[in-house]
């Protein structure tokens, strides 16, 4: 099937799905819930839609769908209604409005939210209510967004499977027996189900990209320092960063423009203003050089993922790109990421583990203990490997503008499985081994986006990961947008989000 024919067929499928849901108007999702964030913000600014109306539609959708997927774990409806009323009053008085004015937003339960419970997915913080907002929450509030609640995450964000002792598991809306990924799993599900038009998240080993791939939305891990972390205990670390997800790349970039930008308290902070990401994403790619992955040095991939991603070489060529199969040596990432992750985890949780040895899940407890055993020589070896990985990858992207690799090594798996024990016959000893296609990229520090790449025969989403040059974040979003436009896979919504089977009886 040619690219235009495939695109038209996919859009027809999406249209048919929406039309089918609309047959029962009483049980269908409010139309506002799948409107683009950009359009919703435009209508609010033009006074054709009020913040209260936008919020009411999303609260209705949350009531209908969230009990089936468990994406939003703390809902602050009354607080949000009061904030929406204030937003409408501000607009009526002619006050200056932020770019996200009136948009409902849900924050990952790792982000501290002033006056709203933040559990970090841990029973140790089951009733913790912060006195301050994190930088991401603060910036989104300042931009006019209205916080409606918190989205589910694994315990302390550890692992790419969203479940914890406090709230249980979040389910994949394309198949409720499968995981949504993680650790920004609740955020991705909330987006694709129309519970919120934008959602914040964070990423260390793939936590913005993996759930995006598993839930058929866009996720973006920016360059370190693009979204500063003024409270990071390791201020010079390139391990983790905050970012956004969106139902489209344009929506993602729109939300990202509100949280990106410098902060003098972060030594790695990038000086560019966030407004740069609000620019149009259109661009030509004739002659752009793209490196297509081989096997990442022997990393196993599920054949279903491999087939879908390999098929997109033709998609990039249709955009005018020069595509070659090539990849750098990722061996240093094996040393750097594992050791620095364990060291970071041990520093963050070591004292708590000593006081509450039974409060941590086994995988996280093992990682903390491994980190506590590290020596100064181990950290020096990790930092040396990290430097080698960074230099090697930047040299590789001196020849290629983009590197393309699967976001995840397998499709969504059973929601009761903590982590896959093997892929393609290769057995794993560690709970992060199945996510190397993401954390290898994390070890480079380069910007990377996951965009919808298609579906397996079982109807499970697969993501394509587009990695760009150091600090060329906008260029990554431009390519992700072009890929999205060329394929149209992101337009396919889960049926459960459009019409509730329970409501239909």
Protein backbone atom coordinates (compact mmCIF):
# COMPACT_ATOMS: atom_id res chain seq x y z
CA UNK A 1 0.00 0.00 0.00
CA UNK A 2 1.42 3.41 -0.92
CA UNK A 3 2.03 5.99 1.82
CA UNK A 4 -0.88 8.27 0.73
CA UNK A 5 -3.23 5.28 0.50
CA UNK A 6 -2.12 3.97 3.89
CA UNK A 7 -2.55 7.41 5.42
CA UNK A 8 -6.06 7.79 3.98
CA UNK A 9 -7.03 4.31 5.17
CA UNK A 10 -5.83 5.02 8.69
CA UNK A 11 -7.67 8.32 8.83
CA UNK A 12 -10.80 6.63 7.52
CA UNK A 13 -10.47 3.99 10.25
CA UNK A 14 -10.11 6.68 12.89
CA UNK A 15 -13.11 8.58 11.51
CA UNK A 16 -15.18 5.40 11.43
CA UNK A 17 -14.28 4.61 15.03
CA UNK A 18 -15.36 8.07 16.17
CA UNK A 19 -18.56 7.82 14.11
CA UNK A 20 -19.36 4.47 15.69
CA UNK A 21 -18.93 5.91 19.15
CA UNK A 22 -21.21 8.82 18.28
CA UNK A 23 -24.12 6.43 17.60
CA UNK A 24 -24.86 6.55 21.30
CA UNK A 25 -24.60 10.25 22.13
CA UNK A 26 -25.41 9.72 25.77
CA UNK A 27 -22.45 7.39 26.31
CA UNK A 28 -19.99 8.99 23.90
CA UNK A 29 -17.04 11.03 25.06
CA UNK A 30 -17.63 14.80 25.09
CA UNK A 31 -16.20 16.12 21.77
CA UNK A 32 -14.01 18.60 23.65
CA UNK A 33 -12.04 15.75 25.17
CA UNK A 34 -10.30 14.85 21.91
CA UNK A 35 -9.86 18.38 20.62
CA UNK A 36 -6.24 19.42 20.23
CA UNK A 37 -4.79 21.38 23.13
CA UNK A 38 -3.82 24.15 20.73
CA UNK A 39 -7.35 24.51 19.41
CA UNK A 40 -8.87 24.32 22.88
CA UNK A 41 -6.58 27.10 24.11
CA UNK A 42 -7.46 29.18 21.03
CA UNK A 43 -11.20 28.81 21.64
CA UNK A 44 -10.83 29.80 25.30
CA UNK A 45 -8.76 32.82 24.37
CA UNK A 46 -11.38 33.80 21.75
CA UNK A 47 -14.14 33.49 24.41
CA UNK A 48 -15.88 30.77 22.40
CA UNK A 49 -15.24 28.29 25.20
CA UNK A 50 -14.90 28.95 28.90
CA UNK A 51 -12.42 27.34 31.24
CA UNK A 52 -15.37 26.03 33.25
CA UNK A 53 -16.87 24.35 30.18
CA UNK A 54 -13.56 22.76 29.24
CA UNK A 55 -13.10 21.45 32.76
CA UNK A 56 -16.67 20.11 33.01
CA UNK A 57 -16.22 18.06 29.83
CA UNK A 58 -13.03 16.50 31.13
CA UNK A 59 -14.48 15.76 34.56
CA UNK A 60 -17.33 13.94 32.84
CA UNK A 61 -14.86 11.89 30.82
CA UNK A 62 -12.83 11.11 33.93
CA UNK A 63 -15.97 9.88 35.68
CA UNK A 64 -16.81 7.62 32.72
CA UNK A 65 -13.43 6.18 31.83
CA UNK A 66 -10.95 6.54 34.67
CA UNK A 67 -12.43 3.73 36.84
CA UNK A 68 -11.58 1.29 34.05
CA UNK A 69 -7.97 2.42 33.48
CA UNK A 70 -6.86 3.98 36.81
CA UNK A 71 -4.86 6.78 35.21
CA UNK A 72 -5.74 9.69 37.51
CA UNK A 73 -5.22 8.59 41.12
CA UNK A 74 -5.86 11.85 42.95
CA UNK A 75 -8.65 14.02 41.57
CA UNK A 76 -9.16 17.57 42.89
CA UNK A 77 -12.40 18.46 41.12
CA UNK A 78 -13.56 21.17 43.52
CA UNK A 79 -10.16 22.83 43.58
CA UNK A 80 -10.07 22.73 39.76
CA UNK A 81 -13.61 24.16 39.48
CA UNK A 82 -12.64 27.08 41.68
CA UNK A 83 -9.51 27.66 39.59
CA UNK A 84 -11.53 27.53 36.35
CA UNK A 85 -13.97 30.11 37.71
CA UNK A 86 -11.05 32.39 38.60
CA UNK A 87 -9.60 31.89 35.12
CA UNK A 88 -12.84 32.97 33.48
CA UNK A 89 -13.07 35.98 35.78
CA UNK A 90 -9.50 36.98 34.90
CA UNK A 91 -10.38 36.86 31.23
CA UNK A 92 -13.56 38.87 31.77
CA UNK A 93 -11.49 41.58 33.47
CA UNK A 94 -9.13 41.72 30.51
CA UNK A 95 -6.09 40.49 32.43
CA UNK A 96 -3.04 39.09 30.65
CA UNK A 97 -3.46 35.38 29.90
CA UNK A 98 -0.83 32.68 29.76
CA UNK A 99 -0.50 30.35 26.75
CA UNK A 100 -2.17 27.42 28.58
CA UNK A 101 -4.94 29.57 30.02
CA UNK A 102 -7.95 27.47 31.03
CA UNK A 103 -6.53 24.09 29.96
CA UNK A 104 -6.97 21.21 32.41
CA UNK A 105 -3.71 19.43 33.20
CA UNK A 106 -2.80 16.36 35.24
CA UNK A 107 0.64 16.04 36.81
CA UNK A 108 2.64 12.88 37.36
CA UNK A 109 2.55 11.78 40.97
CA UNK A 110 6.30 12.38 41.25
CA UNK A 111 5.81 16.13 40.77
CA UNK A 112 5.19 18.00 44.00
CA UNK A 113 1.92 19.93 43.89
CA UNK A 114 1.17 22.57 46.49
CA UNK A 115 -1.85 21.54 48.56
CA UNK A 116 -2.43 18.34 46.55
CA UNK A 117 -1.41 14.88 47.72
CA UNK A 118 1.83 13.63 46.16
CA UNK A 119 2.61 10.00 47.02
CA UNK A 120 5.50 9.14 44.67
CA UNK A 121 3.66 5.80 44.39
CA UNK A 122 4.96 4.82 47.84
CA UNK A 123 3.09 3.96 51.05
CA UNK A 124 5.71 6.04 52.86
CA UNK A 125 4.14 9.15 51.30
CA UNK A 126 0.51 7.99 51.12
CA UNK A 127 -0.74 11.16 52.81
CA UNK A 128 2.02 13.64 51.92
CA UNK A 129 0.79 17.09 50.88
CA UNK A 130 3.61 19.39 49.66
CA UNK A 131 3.79 23.04 50.62
CA UNK A 132 5.37 24.03 47.29
CA UNK A 133 5.04 23.24 43.60
CA UNK A 134 7.81 21.68 41.57
CA UNK A 135 9.23 23.86 38.81
CA UNK A 136 7.13 22.10 36.14
CA UNK A 137 3.90 22.53 38.08
CA UNK A 138 4.75 26.13 38.93
CA UNK A 139 5.44 27.00 35.29
CA UNK A 140 2.27 25.32 34.03
CA UNK A 141 0.19 27.10 36.65
CA UNK A 142 1.81 30.40 35.69
CA UNK A 143 0.96 29.65 32.04
CA UNK A 144 -2.70 29.38 33.04
CA UNK A 145 -3.20 25.62 33.20
CA UNK A 146 -5.66 24.26 35.76
CA UNK A 147 -4.53 21.28 37.79
CA UNK A 148 -7.18 18.56 37.93
CA UNK A 149 -5.16 15.89 39.69
CA UNK A 150 -2.24 13.48 39.73
CA UNK A 151 -1.45 10.59 37.38
CA UNK A 152 -0.25 7.17 38.44
CA UNK A 153 3.40 6.15 38.44
CA UNK A 154 5.47 3.18 39.65
CA UNK A 155 6.96 3.35 43.14
CA UNK A 156 9.32 6.35 43.05
CA UNK A 157 9.12 6.16 39.24
CA UNK A 158 11.29 3.02 39.19
CA UNK A 159 10.53 0.73 36.26
CA UNK A 160 8.56 1.04 33.05
CA UNK A 161 5.43 -0.66 34.38
CA UNK A 162 2.94 1.56 36.21
CA UNK A 163 1.78 -0.10 39.41
CA UNK A 164 2.32 0.56 43.12
CA UNK A 165 1.09 -0.43 46.58
CA UNK A 166 -0.90 2.77 47.02
CA UNK A 167 -3.08 2.83 43.90
CA UNK A 168 -2.53 -0.45 42.07
CA UNK A 169 -1.92 -0.74 38.33
CA UNK A 170 -2.85 1.53 35.45
CA UNK A 171 -4.22 -0.39 32.46
CA UNK A 172 -3.64 0.03 28.75
CA UNK A 173 -6.85 1.34 27.15
CA UNK A 174 -6.17 -0.55 23.90
CA UNK A 175 -6.23 -3.82 25.89
CA UNK A 176 -7.12 -3.67 29.57
CA UNK A 177 -5.16 -6.84 30.26
CA UNK A 178 -1.90 -5.09 29.23
CA UNK A 179 0.40 -2.55 30.85
CA UNK A 180 0.52 1.09 29.78
CA UNK A 181 4.28 1.22 30.38
CA UNK A 182 5.88 3.75 32.68
CA UNK A 183 6.87 5.53 34.61
CA UNK A 184 4.67 8.30 33.14
CA UNK A 185 2.05 5.62 32.47
CA UNK A 186 -0.90 7.35 34.08
CA UNK A 187 -0.09 10.51 32.10
CA UNK A 188 -0.06 8.68 28.76
CA UNK A 189 -3.34 6.89 29.51
CA UNK A 190 -5.00 10.11 30.67
CA UNK A 191 -4.08 11.74 27.37
CA UNK A 192 -5.17 9.00 25.01
CA UNK A 193 -8.44 8.54 26.92
CA UNK A 194 -9.31 12.25 26.72
CA UNK A 195 -9.05 12.82 30.47
CA UNK A 196 -6.71 15.78 29.97
CA UNK A 197 -5.44 17.63 26.87
CA UNK A 198 -1.85 17.91 28.15
CA UNK A 199 0.16 16.06 30.78
CA UNK A 200 3.54 16.49 32.39
CA UNK A 201 6.01 13.69 32.99
CA UNK A 202 9.64 12.82 33.56
CA UNK A 203 12.22 10.49 32.05
CA UNK A 204 15.35 8.77 33.33
CA UNK A 205 15.45 5.46 31.49
CA UNK A 206 12.50 5.93 29.13
CA UNK A 207 9.65 7.13 31.32
CA UNK A 208 8.28 9.67 28.82
CA UNK A 209 8.96 7.56 25.75
CA UNK A 210 7.95 4.02 26.73
CA UNK A 211 4.38 4.87 27.89
CA UNK A 212 3.95 7.08 24.85
CA UNK A 213 4.80 4.09 22.65
CA UNK A 214 2.53 1.73 24.59
CA UNK A 215 -0.41 4.19 24.52
CA UNK A 216 -0.13 5.62 20.97
CA UNK A 217 0.72 9.19 21.95
CA UNK A 218 3.82 11.37 21.58
CA UNK A 219 6.42 11.60 24.34
CA UNK A 220 9.57 13.72 24.46
CA UNK A 221 12.73 13.48 26.55
CA UNK A 222 14.45 16.84 26.02
CA UNK A 223 18.12 17.66 26.31
CA UNK A 224 19.32 17.87 29.89
CA UNK A 225 18.86 21.43 31.13
CA UNK A 226 16.06 22.27 28.70
CA UNK A 227 13.67 21.87 31.65
CA UNK A 228 15.83 22.77 34.67
CA UNK A 229 15.74 21.00 38.00
CA UNK A 230 16.72 23.63 40.57
CA UNK A 231 16.39 21.17 43.48
CA UNK A 232 18.38 18.24 42.08
CA UNK A 233 20.83 16.91 44.69
CA UNK A 234 23.26 16.04 41.88
CA UNK A 235 23.07 19.31 40.00
CA UNK A 236 25.54 18.20 37.32
CA UNK A 237 23.80 14.90 36.60
CA UNK A 238 22.42 14.13 33.12
CA UNK A 239 20.44 11.15 34.41
CA UNK A 240 16.83 12.41 34.53
CA UNK A 241 14.74 15.25 33.13
CA UNK A 242 11.16 16.47 33.07
CA UNK A 243 9.13 16.85 29.90
CA UNK A 244 5.70 16.47 28.34
CA UNK A 245 3.44 14.12 26.45
CA UNK A 246 0.75 15.02 23.94
CA UNK A 247 -1.82 13.38 21.69
CA UNK A 248 0.06 15.06 18.85
CA UNK A 249 3.58 16.38 18.53
CA UNK A 250 2.20 19.90 18.04
CA UNK A 251 0.25 19.68 21.31
CA UNK A 252 3.34 18.34 23.04
CA UNK A 253 5.50 21.20 21.76
CA UNK A 254 2.82 23.69 22.76
CA UNK A 255 2.77 22.43 26.35
CA UNK A 256 6.54 22.05 26.40
CA UNK A 257 6.97 25.73 25.51
CA UNK A 258 5.46 26.58 28.90
CA UNK A 259 7.85 24.48 30.98
CA UNK A 260 11.13 24.87 29.06
CA UNK A 261 13.48 27.78 29.71
CA UNK A 262 16.45 28.74 31.87
CA UNK A 263 16.79 28.79 35.64
CA UNK A 264 19.95 30.14 37.25
CA UNK A 265 19.74 27.58 40.07
CA UNK A 266 20.52 24.74 37.63
CA UNK A 267 24.13 24.76 36.34
CA UNK A 268 23.13 22.74 33.25
CA UNK A 269 20.23 25.04 32.41
CA UNK A 270 19.97 25.90 28.69
CA UNK A 271 19.55 29.62 28.03
CA UNK A 272 16.98 29.41 25.21
CA UNK A 273 13.48 30.64 26.15
CA UNK A 274 10.66 28.12 26.11
CA UNK A 275 8.69 30.22 23.63
CA UNK A 276 10.91 28.87 20.86
CA UNK A 277 8.94 25.62 20.99
CA UNK A 278 5.66 27.37 20.19
CA UNK A 279 6.83 28.01 16.61
CA UNK A 280 5.29 26.11 13.67
CA UNK A 281 6.85 22.66 13.28
CA UNK A 282 6.71 22.42 9.50
CA UNK A 283 10.01 21.84 7.71
CA UNK A 284 11.36 20.10 4.61
CA UNK A 285 13.68 17.11 5.05
CA UNK A 286 15.10 16.63 1.58
CA UNK A 287 18.67 15.44 1.97
CA UNK A 288 18.51 15.05 5.76
CA UNK A 289 20.71 12.12 6.77
CA UNK A 290 19.04 9.51 8.97
CA UNK A 291 20.79 6.56 10.61
CA UNK A 292 18.54 3.54 11.04
CA UNK A 293 19.39 1.17 13.90
CA UNK A 294 20.84 -2.33 13.41
CA UNK A 295 20.58 -4.28 16.67
CA UNK A 296 22.19 -1.96 19.27
CA UNK A 297 25.04 -4.41 19.69
CA UNK A 298 22.89 -7.51 20.18
CA UNK A 299 19.87 -6.11 22.03
CA UNK A 300 16.85 -8.43 21.50
CA UNK A 301 13.68 -7.10 19.85
CA UNK A 302 10.26 -8.70 19.56
CA UNK A 303 9.75 -9.58 15.86
CA UNK A 304 6.47 -7.64 15.80
CA UNK A 305 8.23 -4.44 16.87
CA UNK A 306 11.15 -5.06 14.55
CA UNK A 307 8.87 -5.53 11.53
CA UNK A 308 6.87 -2.36 12.16
CA UNK A 309 9.86 -0.11 12.79
CA UNK A 310 11.91 -1.56 9.93
CA UNK A 311 8.98 -0.79 7.63
CA UNK A 312 9.32 2.91 8.39
CA UNK A 313 12.59 3.24 6.58
CA UNK A 314 10.36 3.89 3.57
CA UNK A 315 8.46 6.56 5.55
CA UNK A 316 11.64 8.55 6.18
CA UNK A 317 12.69 8.12 2.56
CA UNK A 318 9.29 9.44 1.46
CA UNK A 319 10.07 12.60 3.43
CA UNK A 320 13.20 13.10 1.33
CA UNK A 321 15.67 11.74 3.88
CA UNK A 322 18.82 9.83 3.01
CA UNK A 323 18.52 6.70 5.16
CA UNK A 324 21.41 4.40 6.02
CA UNK A 325 21.62 1.51 8.44
CA UNK A 326 24.19 2.59 11.00
CA UNK A 327 24.62 2.90 14.75
CA UNK A 328 27.32 3.88 17.24
CA UNK A 329 28.86 1.64 19.88
CA UNK A 330 26.57 1.57 22.91
CA UNK A 331 28.83 -0.60 25.07
CA UNK A 332 29.81 2.36 27.31
CA UNK A 333 26.12 2.94 28.08
CA UNK A 334 25.92 -0.51 29.70
CA UNK A 335 28.47 0.57 32.28
CA UNK A 336 27.51 4.22 32.69
CA UNK A 337 23.75 3.97 32.99
CA UNK A 338 23.59 0.95 35.26
CA UNK A 339 26.15 2.24 37.76
CA UNK A 340 25.03 5.86 37.79
CA UNK A 341 21.39 4.82 38.13
CA UNK A 342 22.20 2.60 41.13
CA UNK A 343 24.35 5.34 42.68
CA UNK A 344 21.60 7.93 42.23
CA UNK A 345 18.95 5.57 43.62
CA UNK A 346 21.08 4.69 46.63
CA UNK A 347 21.74 8.34 47.42
CA UNK A 348 18.02 9.16 47.18
CA UNK A 349 16.64 6.19 49.11
CA UNK A 350 19.46 4.61 51.12
CA UNK A 351 18.58 6.19 54.47
CA UNK A 352 14.87 5.55 54.00
CA UNK A 353 15.54 1.90 53.17
CA UNK A 354 17.48 1.48 56.41
CA UNK A 355 14.54 2.91 58.39
CA UNK A 356 11.80 1.15 56.38
CA UNK A 357 13.29 -2.04 54.88
CA UNK A 358 9.88 -3.53 54.08
CA UNK A 359 8.45 -0.43 52.38
CA UNK A 360 10.22 -0.89 49.03
CA UNK A 361 9.43 -3.29 46.20
CA UNK A 362 12.08 -5.96 45.70
CA UNK A 363 13.49 -4.63 42.42
CA UNK A 364 13.99 -1.12 43.77
CA UNK A 365 15.38 -2.43 47.07
CA UNK A 366 17.94 -4.50 45.15
CA UNK A 367 18.98 -1.48 43.12
CA UNK A 368 19.43 0.66 46.24
CA UNK A 369 21.52 -2.03 47.88
CA UNK A 370 23.66 -2.37 44.77
CA UNK A 371 24.21 1.38 44.76
CA UNK A 372 25.25 1.38 48.42
CA UNK A 373 27.97 -1.15 47.59
CA UNK A 374 29.57 1.02 44.91
CA UNK A 375 33.05 2.39 45.52
CA UNK A 376 34.67 5.61 44.38
CA UNK A 377 36.51 3.59 41.73
CA UNK A 378 33.16 2.26 40.46
CA UNK A 379 31.78 5.78 40.08
CA UNK A 380 34.96 6.90 38.32
CA UNK A 381 34.57 3.99 35.89
CA UNK A 382 30.93 4.94 35.29
CA UNK A 383 31.75 8.59 34.67
CA UNK A 384 34.56 7.63 32.28
CA UNK A 385 32.18 5.39 30.33
CA UNK A 386 29.57 8.13 30.37
CA UNK A 387 32.04 10.57 28.85
CA UNK A 388 33.03 8.02 26.22
CA UNK A 389 29.39 7.38 25.32
CA UNK A 390 28.64 11.08 25.02
CA UNK A 391 31.63 11.83 22.79
CA UNK A 392 31.04 8.79 20.61
CA UNK A 393 27.39 9.59 20.05
CA UNK A 394 28.03 13.24 19.24
CA UNK A 395 30.68 12.20 16.72
CA UNK A 396 28.22 9.73 15.19
CA UNK A 397 25.60 12.46 14.80
CA UNK A 398 28.16 14.67 13.14
CA UNK A 399 27.44 12.59 10.04
CA UNK A 400 23.73 11.96 10.64
CA UNK A 401 21.13 14.47 11.76
CA UNK A 402 18.86 11.80 13.25
CA UNK A 403 19.07 8.30 14.67
CA UNK A 404 15.96 6.08 14.49
CA UNK A 405 15.39 3.12 16.81
CA UNK A 406 12.33 1.37 18.33
CA UNK A 407 11.09 3.08 21.46
CA UNK A 408 10.49 -0.22 23.25
CA UNK A 409 11.83 -3.68 22.55
CA UNK A 410 8.42 -5.38 22.74
CA UNK A 411 4.73 -4.42 22.63
CA UNK A 412 2.67 -3.89 25.80
CA UNK A 413 2.79 -7.01 28.01
CA UNK A 414 0.52 -8.44 30.70
CA UNK A 415 -0.41 -5.92 33.37
CA UNK A 416 0.24 -8.50 36.11
CA UNK A 417 3.84 -9.01 34.96
CA UNK A 418 6.26 -6.75 36.82
CA UNK A 419 8.77 -6.81 33.97
CA UNK A 420 9.47 -9.10 31.00
CA UNK A 421 11.80 -11.98 31.85
CA UNK A 422 12.93 -12.41 28.25
CA UNK A 423 12.54 -11.18 24.67
CA UNK A 424 13.13 -13.35 21.61
CA UNK A 425 14.64 -16.07 23.77
CA UNK A 426 17.11 -13.75 25.54
CA UNK A 427 16.62 -13.96 29.31
CA UNK A 428 17.04 -10.94 31.59
CA UNK A 429 18.55 -10.68 35.05
CA UNK A 430 17.47 -7.10 35.79
CA UNK A 431 14.16 -5.25 35.72
CA UNK A 432 15.45 -2.59 33.31
CA UNK A 433 17.07 -4.93 30.75
CA UNK A 434 14.02 -4.90 28.48
CA UNK A 435 14.24 -1.13 28.08
CA UNK A 436 17.75 -0.74 26.68
CA UNK A 437 16.44 0.86 23.49
CA UNK A 438 15.40 3.80 25.68
CA UNK A 439 18.09 4.00 28.35
CA UNK A 440 20.94 3.64 25.88
CA UNK A 441 19.67 6.95 24.51
CA UNK A 442 19.30 8.40 28.02
CA UNK A 443 23.01 7.74 28.53
CA UNK A 444 23.82 10.07 25.63
CA UNK A 445 21.91 13.06 27.00
CA UNK A 446 20.49 13.79 23.55
CA UNK A 447 16.87 14.76 22.84
CA UNK A 448 14.55 11.93 21.78
CA UNK A 449 10.87 11.69 20.86
CA UNK A 450 8.60 8.67 20.66
CA UNK A 451 5.84 8.86 18.06
CA UNK A 452 3.10 6.37 17.15
CA UNK A 453 4.47 3.88 14.61
CA UNK A 454 1.59 1.46 14.11
CA UNK A 455 -0.08 -1.55 15.68
CA UNK A 456 0.64 -5.23 15.99
CA UNK A 457 -1.82 -7.79 14.62
CA UNK A 458 -3.28 -7.91 18.14
CA UNK A 459 -3.98 -4.17 18.04
CA UNK A 460 -1.18 -3.14 20.42
CA UNK A 461 0.62 0.18 19.80
CA UNK A 462 4.28 0.37 18.76
CA UNK A 463 6.42 3.51 18.96
CA UNK A 464 9.23 4.84 16.80
CA UNK A 465 11.99 6.76 18.59
CA UNK A 466 13.64 9.70 16.83
CA UNK A 467 16.88 10.94 18.38
CA UNK A 468 18.55 14.20 17.43
CA UNK A 469 21.75 16.13 17.86
CA UNK A 470 22.79 17.63 21.18
CA UNK A 471 20.44 20.49 22.16
CA UNK A 472 18.65 20.30 18.79
CA UNK A 473 15.36 19.62 20.54
CA UNK A 474 13.20 21.61 18.15
CA UNK A 475 14.64 19.74 15.17
CA UNK A 476 13.64 16.44 16.82
CA UNK A 477 10.08 17.69 17.26
CA UNK A 478 10.02 18.84 13.63
CA UNK A 479 10.98 15.37 12.39
CA UNK A 480 8.54 13.72 14.80
CA UNK A 481 5.79 16.00 13.50
CA UNK A 482 6.62 15.19 9.88
CA UNK A 483 6.60 11.45 10.64
CA UNK A 484 3.27 11.80 12.43
CA UNK A 485 1.76 13.66 9.48
CA UNK A 486 3.07 11.06 7.02
CA UNK A 487 1.64 8.08 8.88
CA UNK A 488 -1.48 9.15 10.79
CA UNK A 489 -1.28 6.33 13.34
CA UNK A 490 -1.75 8.73 16.23
CA UNK A 491 -5.33 9.38 15.17
CA UNK A 492 -6.52 5.92 16.25
CA UNK A 493 -8.12 6.21 19.68
CA UNK A 494 -8.98 3.32 22.02
CA UNK A 495 -12.65 2.37 21.80
CA UNK A 496 -13.07 2.38 25.57
CA UNK A 497 -12.28 6.10 25.62
CA UNK A 498 -14.95 6.90 23.05
CA UNK A 499 -17.88 4.77 24.23
CA UNK A 500 -17.93 2.98 27.55
CA UNK A 501 -18.85 -0.66 27.15
CA UNK A 502 -20.17 -0.65 30.72
CA UNK A 503 -22.35 2.38 30.05
CA UNK A 504 -23.77 0.73 26.92
CA UNK A 505 -24.83 -2.26 29.01
